[in-house]
Amino acid sequence: MVYFYIFSSRLFSIRPFLVYFLFVIIFSLLFVAWRRAYNQLTASEAFQNNVLFIGEGDEMQNLISELKAKPHLGYQVAEHILIDPKNENESGLNDLNLNKILVEKHINTVVTSLELHRLPEIVSQFYKNLFLGIRYFDLPAFYERLIGKIPVTTIGQIWFLENIAEGEKRFYEVTKRGSDVTIAIIMGILGLALTPFIALVIKIDSKGPVLFKQNRVGKAGYVFPAMKFRSMKVGAEINGAQWATPDDPRVTRVGKFLRKSRLDEIPQLINVLRGEMSLVGPRPERPEFVQELKQNIPFYDERHLIKPGLTGWAQVNFKYGASAGDSMEKLQYDLYYVKNRSTLLDLGILLKTINIVLTGKGQ
């Protein structure tokens, strides 16, 4: 842009609109080329960080599989020492020659699921190799760093005491509330213009009310009525609460479009203005399901430390939750957001949501 605006007049006459048009084309080409070059560069052996994994478990196996499938993340599995975290005192630990492994495998990073403070012999070997400049991570921290979620089966109550510092989020929460109200008003005005058309197609497509009200669980377990445009047939839950599925036969033809485009959630802007919800946060779940999930999933209730949202980190990274198993996976993303929520992260989630809606990837 500097070139076109300052130097082009010496060579040829060009209009400002054309300057902008040419800038968009040139920048787009350079940006795509840069992304491809960067991914190839970080995937090359010269830029790979060799990782030593110590321990075992499903989360560690998932992480190892993730690194093997995505070499552009910049990490490759150099060695994996299988040790059960529940049996850290087994005899094989003291026989490990970690110095030889660290040097011969050119280890840059060590990730362990073991509680190292209970293993002074292992810690001593690591300490002797301090000059190698190796970075050490426990499994939850490295898992969070690379995948963007918290492995709930590897953390305990201490993790929440050490990582969930709500006092540090006060300024952020105040500014977020102001942003929620401002954006909700703007989106609400646009939504009002669409409401008559949405109401008309809902009425034409199926019998029943235009709006649908359903209890949801919010911050600190507060139950509130969430409002949406009706996307299901009347009497869809006559036999009680049921999990929604991607190809749910209870959803109307218009309802499928409303859900995919997120237009069914326009009335929930009222919940945002009331302070019951935020624009970004964990998806609010129904009380019937919450009671069940709290009994089967560890730390499920901790997602209610903050307000639920119209969209969230779990929604943009995981498919539509249709079972208790999906809820377990989504909880790990929700806890990541609870810990790391910030204005920048919220902005990223909103942009990802817009991308999902425009590309038709929503459910």
Protein backbone atom coordinates (compact mmCIF):
# COMPACT_ATOMS: atom_id res chain seq x y z
CA MET A 1 0.00 0.00 0.00
CA VAL A 2 2.88 2.35 0.82
CA TYR A 3 4.37 1.63 -2.60
CA PHE A 4 1.15 2.28 -4.50
CA TYR A 5 0.23 5.44 -2.62
CA ILE A 6 3.70 7.05 -2.55
CA PHE A 7 5.63 5.78 -5.55
CA SER A 8 3.04 4.82 -8.18
CA SER A 9 2.36 8.46 -9.16
CA ARG A 10 5.88 8.63 -10.58
CA LEU A 11 5.20 5.70 -12.87
CA PHE A 12 1.52 5.80 -13.77
CA SER A 13 -1.80 7.20 -12.65
CA ILE A 14 -3.90 4.86 -10.51
CA ARG A 15 -7.15 5.34 -8.63
CA PRO A 16 -7.41 4.70 -4.86
CA PHE A 17 -10.03 1.99 -5.40
CA LEU A 18 -7.67 0.11 -7.71
CA VAL A 19 -4.86 0.52 -5.15
CA TYR A 20 -7.00 -1.22 -2.56
CA PHE A 21 -8.10 -3.93 -5.02
CA LEU A 22 -4.50 -4.70 -6.02
CA PHE A 23 -3.45 -4.73 -2.36
CA VAL A 24 -6.11 -7.34 -1.51
CA ILE A 25 -4.98 -9.60 -4.37
CA ILE A 26 -1.26 -9.29 -3.63
CA PHE A 27 -1.70 -9.67 0.13
CA SER A 28 -3.95 -12.74 -0.30
CA LEU A 29 -1.40 -14.48 -2.52
CA LEU A 30 1.49 -13.66 -0.19
CA PHE A 31 -0.53 -14.73 2.86
CA VAL A 32 -1.41 -18.15 1.37
CA ALA A 33 2.20 -18.64 0.25
CA TRP A 34 3.46 -17.70 3.74
CA ARG A 35 1.10 -20.11 5.52
CA ARG A 36 2.13 -22.99 3.28
CA ALA A 37 5.83 -22.19 3.62
CA TYR A 38 5.49 -21.89 7.41
CA ASN A 39 3.69 -25.25 7.74
CA GLN A 40 6.29 -26.98 5.56
CA LEU A 41 9.12 -25.35 7.50
CA THR A 42 7.79 -26.34 10.94
CA ALA A 43 7.08 -29.87 9.69
CA SER A 44 10.67 -30.34 8.53
CA GLU A 45 13.09 -32.28 10.73
CA ALA A 46 15.31 -29.24 11.27
CA PHE A 47 12.53 -27.43 13.16
CA GLN A 48 11.00 -30.38 14.98
CA ASN A 49 11.16 -30.55 18.77
CA ASN A 50 11.95 -34.09 19.90
CA VAL A 51 9.62 -35.08 22.74
CA LEU A 52 10.15 -37.70 25.43
CA PHE A 53 6.89 -38.96 26.93
CA ILE A 54 6.98 -40.67 30.33
CA GLY A 55 3.79 -42.34 31.56
CA GLU A 56 0.69 -43.79 29.98
CA GLY A 57 -3.07 -43.37 29.75
CA ASP A 58 -5.69 -42.48 27.17
CA GLU A 59 -4.89 -38.77 27.22
CA MET A 60 -1.20 -39.39 26.58
CA GLN A 61 -2.00 -41.78 23.72
CA ASN A 62 -4.39 -39.22 22.22
CA LEU A 63 -1.71 -36.54 22.44
CA ILE A 64 0.89 -38.78 20.80
CA SER A 65 -1.53 -39.60 17.98
CA GLU A 66 -2.27 -35.89 17.55
CA LEU A 67 1.44 -35.05 17.19
CA LYS A 68 1.99 -37.83 14.65
CA ALA A 69 -0.99 -36.66 12.60
CA LYS A 70 0.01 -32.97 12.71
CA PRO A 71 3.77 -32.56 12.21
CA HIS A 72 3.28 -28.84 11.50
CA LEU A 73 2.76 -28.37 15.24
CA GLY A 74 6.53 -28.67 15.48
CA TYR A 75 6.82 -31.73 17.73
CA GLN A 76 7.75 -35.33 17.02
CA VAL A 77 7.67 -38.29 19.40
CA ALA A 78 11.28 -39.35 19.91
CA GLU A 79 10.70 -41.78 22.80
CA HIS A 80 7.83 -43.02 24.95
CA ILE A 81 8.59 -44.70 28.27
CA LEU A 82 5.51 -46.60 29.41
CA ILE A 83 5.01 -46.24 33.14
CA ASP A 84 1.68 -46.45 34.90
CA PRO A 85 1.18 -43.23 36.92
CA LYS A 86 -0.62 -45.28 39.59
CA ASN A 87 2.45 -47.49 40.08
CA GLU A 88 5.24 -44.94 40.08
CA ASN A 89 7.31 -46.95 42.57
CA GLU A 90 7.85 -49.92 40.27
CA SER A 91 11.45 -51.12 40.07
CA GLY A 92 12.02 -50.21 36.41
CA LEU A 93 12.07 -46.51 37.19
CA ASN A 94 15.38 -46.57 39.07
CA ASP A 95 17.06 -48.46 36.21
CA LEU A 96 16.30 -45.81 33.61
CA ASN A 97 19.34 -44.12 32.08
CA LEU A 98 17.64 -40.86 31.24
CA ASN A 99 20.93 -39.10 30.44
CA LYS A 100 21.61 -41.49 27.58
CA ILE A 101 18.08 -41.10 26.19
CA LEU A 102 18.13 -37.30 26.43
CA VAL A 103 21.48 -36.99 24.65
CA GLU A 104 21.16 -39.70 21.99
CA LYS A 105 17.60 -38.79 21.04
CA HIS A 106 18.34 -35.04 21.07
CA ILE A 107 15.39 -34.44 23.37
CA ASN A 108 14.09 -30.86 23.51
CA THR A 109 10.91 -31.44 25.53
CA VAL A 110 9.87 -33.86 28.26
CA VAL A 111 6.19 -34.54 28.98
CA THR A 112 5.25 -36.70 31.95
CA SER A 113 2.05 -37.88 33.59
CA LEU A 114 3.96 -38.85 36.73
CA GLU A 115 4.09 -36.82 39.94
CA LEU A 116 7.81 -36.06 39.83
CA HIS A 117 7.98 -34.69 43.36
CA ARG A 118 7.39 -38.27 44.51
CA LEU A 119 10.33 -39.55 42.42
CA PRO A 120 13.55 -37.84 43.63
CA GLU A 121 15.78 -40.28 41.67
CA ILE A 122 14.18 -39.28 38.37
CA VAL A 123 14.23 -35.59 39.24
CA SER A 124 17.93 -35.88 40.09
CA GLN A 125 18.68 -37.29 36.62
CA PHE A 126 16.77 -34.47 34.96
CA TYR A 127 18.57 -31.91 37.11
CA LYS A 128 21.98 -33.24 36.06
CA ASN A 129 21.00 -32.50 32.44
CA LEU A 130 19.87 -28.96 33.13
CA PHE A 131 22.54 -27.61 30.78
CA LEU A 132 20.77 -29.25 27.81
CA GLY A 133 18.06 -26.58 27.96
CA ILE A 134 15.21 -29.07 27.94
CA ARG A 135 11.65 -27.89 28.67
CA TYR A 136 9.60 -29.95 31.11
CA PHE A 137 5.79 -30.17 31.13
CA ASP A 138 3.25 -32.16 33.05
CA LEU A 139 0.68 -33.82 30.81
CA PRO A 140 -2.28 -31.46 31.49
CA ALA A 141 -0.18 -28.35 30.75
CA PHE A 142 1.24 -29.71 27.48
CA TYR A 143 -2.13 -31.15 26.46
CA GLU A 144 -3.73 -27.75 27.03
CA ARG A 145 -0.95 -25.95 25.17
CA LEU A 146 -1.24 -28.03 22.00
CA ILE A 147 -4.88 -29.14 21.79
CA GLY A 148 -6.73 -26.34 23.55
CA LYS A 149 -8.58 -28.39 26.16
CA ILE A 150 -8.06 -29.68 29.70
CA PRO A 151 -7.82 -33.48 30.21
CA VAL A 152 -10.26 -33.82 33.12
CA THR A 153 -9.20 -37.33 34.11
CA THR A 154 -5.64 -36.16 34.86
CA ILE A 155 -6.49 -33.19 37.09
CA GLY A 156 -7.85 -32.84 40.62
CA GLN A 157 -9.22 -30.21 42.95
CA ILE A 158 -5.75 -28.70 43.40
CA TRP A 159 -5.67 -27.88 39.67
CA PHE A 160 -8.72 -25.63 40.07
CA LEU A 161 -7.25 -23.89 43.12
CA GLU A 162 -4.02 -23.20 41.23
CA ASN A 163 -5.46 -22.25 37.83
CA ILE A 164 -8.91 -20.70 38.25
CA ALA A 165 -8.14 -17.22 39.59
CA GLU A 166 -11.47 -15.40 39.28
CA GLY A 167 -10.18 -12.32 41.08
CA GLU A 168 -7.85 -11.60 38.15
CA LYS A 169 -10.79 -11.58 35.73
CA ARG A 170 -12.83 -8.75 37.28
CA PHE A 171 -11.83 -6.05 34.78
CA TYR A 172 -12.31 -8.47 31.91
CA GLU A 173 -15.79 -9.44 33.17
CA VAL A 174 -16.85 -5.77 33.41
CA THR A 175 -15.67 -4.99 29.88
CA LYS A 176 -17.18 -8.21 28.58
CA ARG A 177 -20.57 -7.31 30.03
CA GLY A 178 -20.41 -3.95 28.29
CA SER A 179 -19.51 -5.64 25.00
CA ASP A 180 -22.30 -8.20 25.44
CA VAL A 181 -24.94 -5.50 25.89
CA THR A 182 -23.66 -3.36 23.00
CA ILE A 183 -23.39 -6.23 20.51
CA ALA A 184 -26.68 -7.79 21.67
CA ILE A 185 -28.50 -4.50 21.01
CA ILE A 186 -26.99 -4.21 17.52
CA MET A 187 -27.69 -7.86 16.67
CA GLY A 188 -31.16 -7.54 18.22
CA ILE A 189 -32.04 -4.67 15.89
CA LEU A 190 -30.92 -6.73 12.89
CA GLY A 191 -32.77 -9.74 14.30
CA LEU A 192 -36.00 -7.77 14.60
CA ALA A 193 -35.86 -7.11 10.86
CA LEU A 194 -35.63 -10.86 10.19
CA THR A 195 -38.17 -11.95 12.81
CA PRO A 196 -41.36 -11.47 10.70
CA PHE A 197 -39.91 -13.58 7.87
CA ILE A 198 -38.64 -16.29 10.23
CA ALA A 199 -42.00 -16.39 12.04
CA LEU A 200 -43.84 -16.70 8.70
CA VAL A 201 -41.80 -19.67 7.40
CA ILE A 202 -42.07 -21.44 10.78
CA LYS A 203 -45.87 -21.11 10.69
CA ILE A 204 -46.06 -22.27 7.06
CA ASP A 205 -43.79 -25.26 7.67
CA SER A 206 -45.47 -26.69 10.78
CA LYS A 207 -48.21 -26.05 13.30
CA GLY A 208 -47.33 -24.58 16.68
CA PRO A 209 -45.89 -21.46 18.33
CA VAL A 210 -43.09 -19.44 16.77
CA LEU A 211 -41.07 -19.13 19.97
CA PHE A 212 -39.98 -22.00 22.17
CA LYS A 213 -38.99 -21.63 25.83
CA GLN A 214 -36.83 -24.19 27.64
CA ASN A 215 -35.11 -24.17 31.05
CA ARG A 216 -31.33 -24.06 31.01
CA VAL A 217 -28.65 -24.04 33.72
CA GLY A 218 -26.57 -20.89 34.00
CA LYS A 219 -23.84 -19.52 36.24
CA ALA A 220 -23.69 -21.06 39.75
CA GLY A 221 -26.50 -23.46 38.82
CA TYR A 222 -29.08 -20.69 38.27
CA VAL A 223 -31.93 -22.05 36.12
CA PHE A 224 -33.41 -19.62 33.59
CA PRO A 225 -35.82 -19.87 30.64
CA ALA A 226 -33.90 -19.70 27.35
CA MET A 227 -35.89 -18.55 24.34
CA LYS A 228 -35.40 -19.76 20.77
CA PHE A 229 -37.30 -19.88 17.52
CA ARG A 230 -39.04 -23.26 17.40
CA SER A 231 -37.10 -25.73 15.28
CA MET A 232 -38.83 -28.97 16.37
CA LYS A 233 -42.29 -30.39 15.86
CA VAL A 234 -44.85 -29.78 18.60
CA GLY A 235 -44.81 -32.65 21.12
CA ALA A 236 -41.26 -33.67 20.21
CA GLU A 237 -40.49 -34.43 23.87
CA ILE A 238 -43.81 -35.78 25.00
CA ASN A 239 -41.93 -38.75 26.49
CA GLY A 240 -39.41 -36.61 28.33
CA ALA A 241 -36.09 -34.87 27.63
CA GLN A 242 -34.00 -36.44 24.86
CA TRP A 243 -30.56 -35.75 23.45
CA ALA A 244 -30.60 -33.96 20.11
CA THR A 245 -28.84 -35.71 17.21
CA PRO A 246 -27.41 -34.33 13.92
CA ASP A 247 -30.21 -35.95 11.84
CA ASP A 248 -32.93 -35.66 14.48
CA PRO A 249 -36.30 -36.63 12.92
CA ARG A 250 -38.05 -34.28 15.36
CA VAL A 251 -36.50 -31.23 13.65
CA THR A 252 -38.67 -29.54 11.01
CA ARG A 253 -37.41 -28.64 7.52
CA VAL A 254 -37.23 -24.97 8.42
CA GLY A 255 -35.74 -25.92 11.79
CA LYS A 256 -32.74 -27.57 10.09
CA PHE A 257 -31.95 -24.32 8.29
CA LEU A 258 -32.47 -22.22 11.42
CA ARG A 259 -30.14 -24.43 13.45
CA LYS A 260 -27.45 -24.55 10.79
CA SER A 261 -27.50 -20.78 10.34
CA ARG A 262 -27.86 -20.15 14.13
CA LEU A 263 -30.90 -17.97 13.40
CA ASP A 264 -32.96 -19.98 15.90
CA GLU A 265 -30.88 -18.40 18.69
CA ILE A 266 -31.80 -14.77 17.90
CA PRO A 267 -34.36 -14.64 20.78
CA GLN A 268 -31.58 -15.64 23.21
CA LEU A 269 -30.19 -12.13 22.79
CA ILE A 270 -32.89 -11.24 25.34
CA ASN A 271 -31.18 -13.63 27.78
CA VAL A 272 -27.89 -11.84 27.08
CA LEU A 273 -29.45 -8.45 27.83
CA ARG A 274 -30.94 -9.83 31.05
CA GLY A 275 -27.49 -10.97 32.15
CA GLU A 276 -28.43 -14.67 32.19
CA MET A 277 -26.12 -15.45 29.27
CA SER A 278 -23.10 -14.01 27.51
CA LEU A 279 -22.21 -13.96 23.82
CA VAL A 280 -19.30 -16.35 24.49
CA GLY A 281 -19.24 -19.11 27.07
CA PRO A 282 -20.09 -22.79 27.63
CA ARG A 283 -23.31 -23.90 25.98
CA PRO A 284 -26.16 -23.86 28.57
CA GLU A 285 -27.46 -27.36 29.22
CA ARG A 286 -30.85 -28.55 30.40
CA PRO A 287 -31.32 -29.27 34.14
CA GLU A 288 -32.34 -32.88 33.46
CA PHE A 289 -29.09 -33.59 31.64
CA VAL A 290 -26.94 -31.61 34.09
CA GLN A 291 -27.99 -33.80 37.00
CA GLU A 292 -27.08 -36.91 35.04
CA LEU A 293 -23.78 -35.55 33.75
CA LYS A 294 -22.66 -34.32 37.18
CA GLN A 295 -22.89 -37.89 38.47
CA ASN A 296 -20.95 -39.43 35.56
CA ILE A 297 -18.39 -36.79 34.54
CA PRO A 298 -15.77 -35.44 36.98
CA PHE A 299 -15.83 -31.66 37.52
CA TYR A 300 -18.80 -31.17 35.19
CA ASP A 301 -20.36 -28.63 37.54
CA GLU A 302 -17.26 -26.41 37.30
CA ARG A 303 -18.32 -25.25 33.82
CA HIS A 304 -20.99 -23.24 35.67
CA LEU A 305 -18.35 -20.99 37.23
CA ILE A 306 -19.12 -18.52 34.44
CA LYS A 307 -22.15 -17.50 32.38
CA PRO A 308 -23.15 -19.72 29.46
CA GLY A 309 -22.90 -18.32 25.95
CA LEU A 310 -24.54 -18.24 22.54
CA THR A 311 -21.30 -19.65 21.18
CA GLY A 312 -18.15 -20.94 22.81
CA TRP A 313 -14.75 -22.61 22.55
CA ALA A 314 -16.33 -26.08 22.58
CA GLN A 315 -18.87 -25.18 19.89
CA VAL A 316 -16.23 -23.99 17.42
CA ASN A 317 -13.87 -26.93 18.07
CA PHE A 318 -16.22 -29.89 18.49
CA LYS A 319 -19.31 -31.30 16.84
CA TYR A 320 -22.84 -30.87 18.21
CA GLY A 321 -23.03 -32.69 21.56
CA ALA A 322 -25.50 -35.55 21.32
CA SER A 323 -24.51 -37.85 24.20
CA ALA A 324 -22.85 -38.06 27.59
CA GLY A 325 -19.61 -39.02 25.82
CA ASP A 326 -19.75 -35.86 23.72
CA SER A 327 -20.42 -33.85 26.86
CA MET A 328 -17.22 -35.24 28.39
CA GLU A 329 -15.25 -34.07 25.36
CA LYS A 330 -16.90 -30.65 25.33
CA LEU A 331 -16.27 -30.19 29.05
CA GLN A 332 -12.52 -30.34 28.38
CA TYR A 333 -12.87 -27.42 25.94
CA ASP A 334 -15.15 -25.57 28.37
CA LEU A 335 -12.60 -25.82 31.18
CA TYR A 336 -9.92 -24.49 28.84
CA TYR A 337 -12.12 -21.48 28.19
CA VAL A 338 -12.92 -20.98 31.89
CA LYS A 339 -9.19 -20.85 32.64
CA ASN A 340 -7.97 -18.86 29.63
CA ARG A 341 -10.92 -16.63 28.75
CA SER A 342 -9.89 -13.19 27.55
CA THR A 343 -11.02 -10.50 25.14
CA LEU A 344 -8.70 -11.83 22.44
CA LEU A 345 -9.96 -15.40 22.85
CA ASP A 346 -13.58 -14.19 22.75
CA LEU A 347 -12.89 -12.32 19.53
CA GLY A 348 -11.32 -15.42 17.99
CA ILE A 349 -14.35 -17.53 18.97
CA LEU A 350 -16.76 -15.00 17.45
CA LEU A 351 -14.78 -14.95 14.20
CA LYS A 352 -14.67 -18.75 14.09
CA THR A 353 -18.44 -18.82 14.68
CA ILE A 354 -19.02 -16.45 11.76
CA ASN A 355 -16.84 -18.69 9.59
CA ILE A 356 -18.80 -21.80 10.63
CA VAL A 357 -22.13 -20.13 9.84
CA LEU A 358 -20.99 -18.78 6.45
CA THR A 359 -19.40 -22.05 5.35
CA GLY A 360 -22.41 -24.12 6.45
CA LYS A 361 -20.43 -26.26 8.91
CA GLY A 362 -22.82 -25.56 11.77
CA GLN A 363 -25.28 -28.14 13.10
